[in-house]
């Protein structure tokens, strides 16, 4: 039987194949989903994402910028046995990220995060940045399937 783990705004979580990771807040965020398909270890970082590029710490008990979230998530995955060479990442925005269609500030955040992954030598699955609006993000760690509800 699988464990369902809620990953709150500003949190990160890594888990093995017996788990489903699920974002559970309705704040503006960038969800970073990482997966090692060989070892069946996954991670979900529920990083902060604001259109003006700032993090308002008074709004949350814990906040994460994308860089810190990625580092901690990958470290936790490696503790569980993930192999850095196998990890691939996709990005999901949603849960009320304020932006207009073709908003240059929004795309700058996505581009900056992809560049961050490249600098950290983490494989980004091309063309996987997805805007899911008000939906939450889930990762079934056994299958690697990313879902939206």
N, C-alpha and C. Protein backbone atom coordinates (compact mmCIF):
# COMPACT_ATOMS: atom_id res chain seq x y z
N UNK A 1 0.84 -1.18 0.00
CA UNK A 1 0.00 0.00 0.00
C UNK A 1 0.89 1.25 0.00
N UNK A 2 0.54 2.22 -0.83
CA UNK A 2 1.36 3.43 -0.96
C UNK A 2 1.03 4.45 0.12
N UNK A 3 2.08 5.18 0.52
CA UNK A 3 1.89 6.32 1.43
C UNK A 3 1.69 7.55 0.59
N UNK A 4 0.74 8.39 0.97
CA UNK A 4 0.52 9.67 0.32
C UNK A 4 1.11 10.74 1.22
N UNK A 5 2.05 11.49 0.68
CA UNK A 5 2.77 12.49 1.47
C UNK A 5 2.45 13.87 0.91
N UNK A 6 1.89 14.72 1.75
CA UNK A 6 1.60 16.10 1.36
C UNK A 6 2.86 16.93 1.51
N UNK A 7 3.18 17.69 0.48
CA UNK A 7 4.35 18.57 0.51
C UNK A 7 3.80 20.00 0.51
N UNK A 8 3.91 20.64 1.64
CA UNK A 8 3.34 21.97 1.84
C UNK A 8 4.18 23.05 1.16
N UNK A 9 3.61 24.22 1.04
CA UNK A 9 4.31 25.36 0.46
C UNK A 9 5.63 25.58 1.18
N UNK A 10 6.71 25.65 0.40
CA UNK A 10 8.03 25.91 0.97
C UNK A 10 8.75 24.66 1.43
N UNK A 11 8.13 23.49 1.35
CA UNK A 11 8.77 22.27 1.81
C UNK A 11 9.36 21.47 0.65
N UNK A 12 10.22 20.55 0.98
CA UNK A 12 10.74 19.57 0.02
C UNK A 12 10.53 18.20 0.63
N UNK A 13 10.45 17.20 -0.22
CA UNK A 13 10.31 15.84 0.27
C UNK A 13 10.91 14.89 -0.76
N UNK A 14 11.59 13.86 -0.28
CA UNK A 14 12.09 12.79 -1.13
C UNK A 14 11.51 11.49 -0.60
N UNK A 15 11.26 10.54 -1.50
CA UNK A 15 10.64 9.28 -1.08
C UNK A 15 10.99 8.18 -2.06
N UNK A 16 10.70 6.95 -1.63
CA UNK A 16 10.95 5.79 -2.47
C UNK A 16 9.68 5.35 -3.18
N UNK A 17 9.75 4.18 -3.84
CA UNK A 17 8.68 3.72 -4.72
C UNK A 17 7.36 3.44 -4.02
N UNK A 18 7.35 3.35 -2.72
CA UNK A 18 6.11 3.07 -1.99
C UNK A 18 5.32 4.34 -1.69
N UNK A 19 5.67 5.46 -2.34
CA UNK A 19 5.07 6.74 -1.98
C UNK A 19 4.52 7.50 -3.18
N UNK A 20 3.57 8.36 -2.88
CA UNK A 20 3.08 9.35 -3.82
C UNK A 20 3.27 10.70 -3.14
N UNK A 21 4.03 11.58 -3.77
CA UNK A 21 4.26 12.93 -3.26
C UNK A 21 3.22 13.84 -3.89
N UNK A 22 2.66 14.76 -3.08
CA UNK A 22 1.55 15.59 -3.57
C UNK A 22 1.65 17.00 -2.98
N UNK A 23 1.67 18.01 -3.86
CA UNK A 23 1.66 19.40 -3.37
C UNK A 23 0.26 19.69 -2.85
N UNK A 24 0.17 20.52 -1.82
CA UNK A 24 -1.16 20.67 -1.21
C UNK A 24 -1.54 22.09 -0.81
N UNK A 25 -0.98 23.08 -1.45
CA UNK A 25 -1.32 24.45 -1.05
C UNK A 25 -1.86 25.22 -2.24
N UNK A 26 -2.48 26.31 -1.97
CA UNK A 26 -3.01 27.16 -3.03
C UNK A 26 -2.32 28.52 -3.02
N UNK A 27 -1.04 28.48 -2.91
CA UNK A 27 -0.21 29.70 -2.98
C UNK A 27 0.54 29.69 -4.31
N UNK A 28 1.11 30.82 -4.65
CA UNK A 28 1.91 30.89 -5.88
C UNK A 28 3.19 30.09 -5.69
N UNK A 29 3.43 29.11 -6.58
CA UNK A 29 4.60 28.27 -6.37
C UNK A 29 5.14 27.72 -7.69
N UNK A 30 6.33 27.24 -7.58
CA UNK A 30 6.99 26.50 -8.64
C UNK A 30 7.30 25.13 -8.05
N UNK A 31 6.68 24.11 -8.59
CA UNK A 31 6.93 22.75 -8.10
C UNK A 31 8.01 22.13 -8.98
N UNK A 32 9.06 21.68 -8.33
CA UNK A 32 10.18 21.05 -9.01
C UNK A 32 10.09 19.56 -8.70
N UNK A 33 9.90 18.75 -9.74
CA UNK A 33 9.73 17.31 -9.59
C UNK A 33 10.99 16.63 -10.10
N UNK A 34 11.61 15.82 -9.25
CA UNK A 34 12.84 15.09 -9.64
C UNK A 34 12.59 13.60 -9.50
N UNK A 35 13.24 12.83 -10.39
CA UNK A 35 12.99 11.39 -10.38
C UNK A 35 14.22 10.64 -10.87
N UNK A 36 14.55 9.58 -10.15
CA UNK A 36 15.58 8.63 -10.58
C UNK A 36 14.84 7.37 -11.00
N UNK A 37 14.65 7.16 -12.32
CA UNK A 37 13.86 6.03 -12.79
C UNK A 37 14.53 4.66 -12.53
N UNK A 38 15.84 4.65 -12.38
CA UNK A 38 16.55 3.38 -12.13
C UNK A 38 16.31 2.90 -10.70
N UNK A 39 16.43 3.82 -9.74
CA UNK A 39 16.30 3.47 -8.32
C UNK A 39 14.87 3.68 -7.80
N UNK A 40 14.02 4.29 -8.61
CA UNK A 40 12.64 4.60 -8.22
C UNK A 40 12.59 5.42 -6.94
N UNK A 41 13.33 6.54 -7.01
CA UNK A 41 13.37 7.50 -5.92
C UNK A 41 12.98 8.84 -6.51
N UNK A 42 12.08 9.54 -5.83
CA UNK A 42 11.61 10.81 -6.36
C UNK A 42 11.67 11.90 -5.32
N UNK A 43 11.54 13.12 -5.80
CA UNK A 43 11.52 14.27 -4.92
C UNK A 43 10.57 15.32 -5.46
N UNK A 44 10.02 16.08 -4.54
CA UNK A 44 9.14 17.18 -4.91
C UNK A 44 9.52 18.38 -4.06
N UNK A 45 9.86 19.46 -4.71
CA UNK A 45 10.20 20.71 -4.01
C UNK A 45 9.10 21.71 -4.32
N UNK A 46 8.48 22.20 -3.30
CA UNK A 46 7.39 23.16 -3.43
C UNK A 46 7.97 24.55 -3.16
N UNK A 47 8.68 25.07 -4.15
CA UNK A 47 9.43 26.32 -4.00
C UNK A 47 8.50 27.53 -4.15
N UNK A 48 8.92 28.65 -3.64
CA UNK A 48 8.14 29.88 -3.74
C UNK A 48 8.31 30.49 -5.12
N UNK A 49 7.28 31.15 -5.57
CA UNK A 49 7.30 31.73 -6.92
C UNK A 49 6.41 32.96 -6.89
N UNK A 50 7.01 34.13 -6.96
CA UNK A 50 6.25 35.37 -6.98
C UNK A 50 6.59 36.14 -8.24
N UNK A 51 5.60 36.79 -8.82
CA UNK A 51 5.81 37.47 -10.10
C UNK A 51 6.83 38.59 -10.01
N UNK A 52 7.02 39.18 -8.83
CA UNK A 52 8.01 40.25 -8.72
C UNK A 52 9.37 39.72 -8.29
N UNK A 53 9.51 38.40 -8.18
CA UNK A 53 10.80 37.80 -7.87
C UNK A 53 11.18 37.83 -6.40
N UNK A 54 10.31 38.32 -5.53
CA UNK A 54 10.65 38.40 -4.12
C UNK A 54 9.92 37.32 -3.34
N UNK A 55 10.46 37.00 -2.19
CA UNK A 55 9.81 36.07 -1.28
C UNK A 55 9.40 36.86 -0.05
N UNK A 56 8.11 36.81 0.25
CA UNK A 56 7.59 37.54 1.41
C UNK A 56 7.57 36.59 2.59
N UNK A 57 8.63 36.59 3.38
CA UNK A 57 8.79 35.62 4.46
C UNK A 57 7.69 35.73 5.50
N UNK A 58 7.12 36.90 5.71
CA UNK A 58 6.08 37.04 6.70
C UNK A 58 4.81 36.28 6.32
N UNK A 59 4.67 35.91 5.05
CA UNK A 59 3.48 35.20 4.60
C UNK A 59 3.53 33.71 4.90
N UNK A 60 4.70 33.15 5.17
CA UNK A 60 4.83 31.71 5.32
C UNK A 60 5.76 31.37 6.47
N UNK A 61 5.50 30.22 7.09
CA UNK A 61 6.39 29.80 8.17
C UNK A 61 7.72 29.30 7.63
N UNK A 62 7.73 28.80 6.40
CA UNK A 62 8.97 28.35 5.77
C UNK A 62 8.92 28.72 4.29
N UNK A 63 9.98 29.25 3.79
CA UNK A 63 10.02 29.57 2.37
C UNK A 63 11.25 28.94 1.74
N UNK A 64 11.18 28.73 0.47
CA UNK A 64 12.30 28.15 -0.26
C UNK A 64 12.46 28.88 -1.57
N UNK A 65 13.66 29.25 -1.86
CA UNK A 65 13.96 29.71 -3.21
C UNK A 65 14.26 28.46 -4.02
N UNK A 66 14.22 28.57 -5.32
CA UNK A 66 14.42 27.39 -6.18
C UNK A 66 15.79 26.75 -5.96
N UNK A 67 16.85 27.54 -5.84
CA UNK A 67 18.19 26.99 -5.69
C UNK A 67 18.32 26.15 -4.43
N UNK A 68 17.91 26.71 -3.31
CA UNK A 68 17.97 25.98 -2.04
C UNK A 68 17.10 24.75 -2.04
N UNK A 69 15.92 24.87 -2.65
CA UNK A 69 15.00 23.74 -2.71
C UNK A 69 15.59 22.60 -3.53
N UNK A 70 16.19 22.94 -4.66
CA UNK A 70 16.79 21.91 -5.52
C UNK A 70 17.92 21.20 -4.78
N UNK A 71 18.81 21.97 -4.15
CA UNK A 71 19.94 21.36 -3.43
C UNK A 71 19.46 20.40 -2.35
N UNK A 72 18.51 20.84 -1.54
CA UNK A 72 18.04 20.00 -0.44
C UNK A 72 17.31 18.76 -0.96
N UNK A 73 16.49 18.92 -1.98
CA UNK A 73 15.75 17.80 -2.55
C UNK A 73 16.71 16.74 -3.11
N UNK A 74 17.69 17.18 -3.89
CA UNK A 74 18.66 16.25 -4.48
C UNK A 74 19.46 15.56 -3.38
N UNK A 75 19.90 16.31 -2.37
CA UNK A 75 20.63 15.70 -1.25
C UNK A 75 19.80 14.62 -0.57
N UNK A 76 18.52 14.91 -0.32
CA UNK A 76 17.65 13.93 0.33
C UNK A 76 17.43 12.70 -0.55
N UNK A 77 17.32 12.90 -1.85
CA UNK A 77 17.18 11.77 -2.76
C UNK A 77 18.42 10.90 -2.75
N UNK A 78 19.59 11.53 -2.69
CA UNK A 78 20.85 10.78 -2.68
C UNK A 78 20.98 9.97 -1.38
N UNK A 79 20.51 10.51 -0.26
CA UNK A 79 20.53 9.76 0.99
C UNK A 79 19.70 8.48 0.87
N UNK A 80 18.61 8.55 0.11
CA UNK A 80 17.76 7.38 -0.11
C UNK A 80 18.34 6.41 -1.14
N UNK A 81 19.44 6.79 -1.80
CA UNK A 81 20.10 5.90 -2.74
C UNK A 81 20.03 6.31 -4.20
N UNK A 82 19.47 7.47 -4.50
CA UNK A 82 19.40 7.93 -5.89
C UNK A 82 20.80 8.16 -6.43
N UNK A 83 20.94 8.00 -7.72
CA UNK A 83 22.20 8.23 -8.42
C UNK A 83 22.08 9.55 -9.18
N UNK A 84 22.95 10.47 -8.92
CA UNK A 84 22.91 11.80 -9.53
C UNK A 84 22.85 11.71 -11.06
N UNK A 85 23.51 10.75 -11.63
CA UNK A 85 23.54 10.59 -13.08
C UNK A 85 22.16 10.24 -13.67
N UNK A 86 21.30 9.64 -12.86
CA UNK A 86 19.99 9.20 -13.34
C UNK A 86 18.87 10.22 -13.10
N UNK A 87 19.09 11.18 -12.25
CA UNK A 87 18.02 12.10 -11.86
C UNK A 87 17.66 13.03 -13.02
N UNK A 88 16.36 13.13 -13.26
CA UNK A 88 15.86 14.08 -14.25
C UNK A 88 14.75 14.90 -13.59
N UNK A 89 14.59 16.14 -14.06
CA UNK A 89 13.70 17.09 -13.41
C UNK A 89 12.73 17.67 -14.41
N UNK A 90 11.50 17.90 -13.94
CA UNK A 90 10.55 18.69 -14.71
C UNK A 90 10.01 19.79 -13.78
N UNK A 91 9.50 20.84 -14.37
CA UNK A 91 9.00 21.99 -13.61
C UNK A 91 7.51 22.15 -13.85
N UNK A 92 6.79 22.47 -12.78
CA UNK A 92 5.36 22.70 -12.89
C UNK A 92 5.03 23.98 -12.14
N UNK A 93 4.39 24.91 -12.82
CA UNK A 93 3.90 26.09 -12.13
C UNK A 93 2.40 25.96 -12.00
N UNK A 94 1.87 26.65 -11.05
CA UNK A 94 0.43 26.58 -10.88
C UNK A 94 0.05 27.02 -9.49
N UNK A 95 -1.06 26.46 -9.05
CA UNK A 95 -1.56 26.81 -7.74
C UNK A 95 -1.53 28.32 -7.56
N UNK A 96 -2.11 29.00 -8.52
CA UNK A 96 -2.33 30.44 -8.46
C UNK A 96 -1.10 31.30 -8.73
N UNK A 97 -0.22 30.86 -9.61
CA UNK A 97 0.89 31.71 -10.03
C UNK A 97 0.30 32.83 -10.88
N UNK A 98 0.43 34.06 -10.42
CA UNK A 98 -0.18 35.16 -11.17
C UNK A 98 0.65 35.52 -12.40
N UNK A 99 0.06 35.38 -13.59
CA UNK A 99 0.73 35.81 -14.80
C UNK A 99 -0.26 35.85 -15.95
N UNK A 100 0.09 36.64 -16.90
CA UNK A 100 -0.70 36.73 -18.12
C UNK A 100 -0.08 35.81 -19.17
N UNK A 101 -0.84 35.48 -20.21
CA UNK A 101 -0.27 34.70 -21.30
C UNK A 101 0.91 35.47 -21.90
N UNK A 102 2.01 34.78 -22.13
CA UNK A 102 3.25 35.36 -22.67
C UNK A 102 3.86 36.42 -21.75
N UNK A 103 3.65 36.30 -20.46
CA UNK A 103 4.21 37.22 -19.46
C UNK A 103 5.73 37.04 -19.40
N UNK A 104 6.52 38.08 -19.74
CA UNK A 104 7.98 37.92 -19.78
C UNK A 104 8.58 37.64 -18.40
N UNK A 105 8.01 38.18 -17.33
CA UNK A 105 8.54 37.93 -15.98
C UNK A 105 8.34 36.46 -15.59
N UNK A 106 7.20 35.91 -15.92
CA UNK A 106 6.91 34.50 -15.66
C UNK A 106 7.93 33.62 -16.38
N UNK A 107 8.14 33.87 -17.66
CA UNK A 107 9.07 33.05 -18.44
C UNK A 107 10.52 33.25 -17.98
N UNK A 108 10.84 34.41 -17.44
CA UNK A 108 12.17 34.64 -16.89
C UNK A 108 12.40 33.72 -15.68
N UNK A 109 11.39 33.58 -14.81
CA UNK A 109 11.52 32.68 -13.66
C UNK A 109 11.77 31.24 -14.11
N UNK A 110 11.02 30.80 -15.12
CA UNK A 110 11.19 29.44 -15.62
C UNK A 110 12.59 29.28 -16.23
N UNK A 111 12.98 30.22 -17.06
CA UNK A 111 14.30 30.17 -17.71
C UNK A 111 15.42 30.19 -16.67
N UNK A 112 15.28 31.04 -15.65
CA UNK A 112 16.29 31.12 -14.59
C UNK A 112 16.41 29.79 -13.85
N UNK A 113 15.29 29.13 -13.60
CA UNK A 113 15.32 27.84 -12.90
C UNK A 113 15.96 26.77 -13.77
N UNK A 114 15.66 26.76 -15.06
CA UNK A 114 16.29 25.80 -15.97
C UNK A 114 17.79 26.04 -16.03
N UNK A 115 18.20 27.29 -16.08
CA UNK A 115 19.63 27.62 -16.08
C UNK A 115 20.29 27.14 -14.77
N UNK A 116 19.58 27.31 -13.66
CA UNK A 116 20.08 26.84 -12.37
C UNK A 116 20.31 25.33 -12.39
N UNK A 117 19.37 24.59 -12.95
CA UNK A 117 19.53 23.14 -13.07
C UNK A 117 20.75 22.80 -13.91
N UNK A 118 20.92 23.51 -15.02
CA UNK A 118 22.08 23.27 -15.88
C UNK A 118 23.38 23.55 -15.15
N UNK A 119 23.43 24.64 -14.37
CA UNK A 119 24.63 24.97 -13.60
C UNK A 119 24.95 23.90 -12.58
N UNK A 120 23.92 23.26 -12.02
CA UNK A 120 24.10 22.22 -11.02
C UNK A 120 24.29 20.84 -11.67
N UNK A 121 24.36 20.81 -13.02
CA UNK A 121 24.51 19.56 -13.77
C UNK A 121 23.40 18.56 -13.48
N UNK A 122 22.17 19.08 -13.37
CA UNK A 122 21.00 18.25 -13.17
C UNK A 122 20.22 18.23 -14.48
N UNK A 123 19.91 17.05 -14.93
CA UNK A 123 19.23 16.89 -16.22
C UNK A 123 17.79 17.39 -16.14
N UNK A 124 17.46 18.32 -17.02
CA UNK A 124 16.10 18.86 -17.13
C UNK A 124 15.44 18.23 -18.34
N UNK A 125 14.28 17.63 -18.15
CA UNK A 125 13.55 17.04 -19.27
C UNK A 125 13.01 18.18 -20.13
N UNK A 126 13.55 18.32 -21.31
CA UNK A 126 13.17 19.42 -22.22
C UNK A 126 11.67 19.43 -22.44
N UNK A 127 11.15 20.64 -22.56
CA UNK A 127 9.74 20.88 -22.87
C UNK A 127 8.80 20.31 -21.81
N UNK A 128 9.23 20.25 -20.55
CA UNK A 128 8.34 19.73 -19.51
C UNK A 128 7.82 20.80 -18.57
N UNK A 129 8.24 22.06 -18.75
CA UNK A 129 7.69 23.12 -17.90
C UNK A 129 6.21 23.24 -18.24
N UNK A 130 5.38 23.15 -17.23
CA UNK A 130 3.94 23.12 -17.46
C UNK A 130 3.25 24.04 -16.46
N UNK A 131 2.26 24.77 -16.96
CA UNK A 131 1.43 25.63 -16.12
C UNK A 131 0.11 24.91 -15.91
N UNK A 132 -0.20 24.55 -14.67
CA UNK A 132 -1.41 23.78 -14.39
C UNK A 132 -2.49 24.58 -13.67
N UNK A 133 -2.32 25.90 -13.60
CA UNK A 133 -3.36 26.72 -12.98
C UNK A 133 -3.58 26.38 -11.53
N UNK A 134 -4.83 26.15 -11.14
CA UNK A 134 -5.17 25.91 -9.74
C UNK A 134 -5.00 24.45 -9.29
N UNK A 135 -4.46 23.61 -10.14
CA UNK A 135 -4.33 22.20 -9.78
C UNK A 135 -3.10 21.95 -8.91
N UNK A 136 -3.15 20.84 -8.22
CA UNK A 136 -2.03 20.38 -7.41
C UNK A 136 -1.22 19.39 -8.22
N UNK A 137 0.01 19.14 -7.79
CA UNK A 137 0.93 18.27 -8.52
C UNK A 137 1.20 17.02 -7.70
N UNK A 138 1.19 15.87 -8.35
CA UNK A 138 1.51 14.62 -7.68
C UNK A 138 2.58 13.86 -8.43
N UNK A 139 3.39 13.10 -7.71
CA UNK A 139 4.39 12.22 -8.31
C UNK A 139 4.24 10.84 -7.70
N UNK A 140 3.87 9.87 -8.52
CA UNK A 140 3.86 8.48 -8.09
C UNK A 140 5.29 7.99 -8.27
N UNK A 141 5.97 7.77 -7.17
CA UNK A 141 7.40 7.47 -7.22
C UNK A 141 7.68 6.11 -7.84
N UNK A 142 6.78 5.18 -7.72
CA UNK A 142 7.01 3.86 -8.32
C UNK A 142 7.02 3.93 -9.86
N UNK A 143 6.07 4.68 -10.42
CA UNK A 143 5.94 4.72 -11.88
C UNK A 143 6.60 5.94 -12.53
N UNK A 144 6.85 6.99 -11.74
CA UNK A 144 7.41 8.21 -12.27
C UNK A 144 6.36 9.11 -12.92
N UNK A 145 5.10 8.75 -12.80
CA UNK A 145 4.02 9.52 -13.42
C UNK A 145 3.74 10.78 -12.61
N UNK A 146 3.74 11.93 -13.31
CA UNK A 146 3.39 13.20 -12.71
C UNK A 146 1.94 13.46 -13.06
N UNK A 147 1.12 13.77 -12.05
CA UNK A 147 -0.30 14.00 -12.29
C UNK A 147 -0.72 15.35 -11.73
N UNK A 148 -1.89 15.79 -12.17
CA UNK A 148 -2.44 17.09 -11.77
C UNK A 148 -3.88 16.89 -11.36
N UNK A 149 -4.26 17.42 -10.19
CA UNK A 149 -5.66 17.34 -9.77
C UNK A 149 -6.11 18.60 -9.06
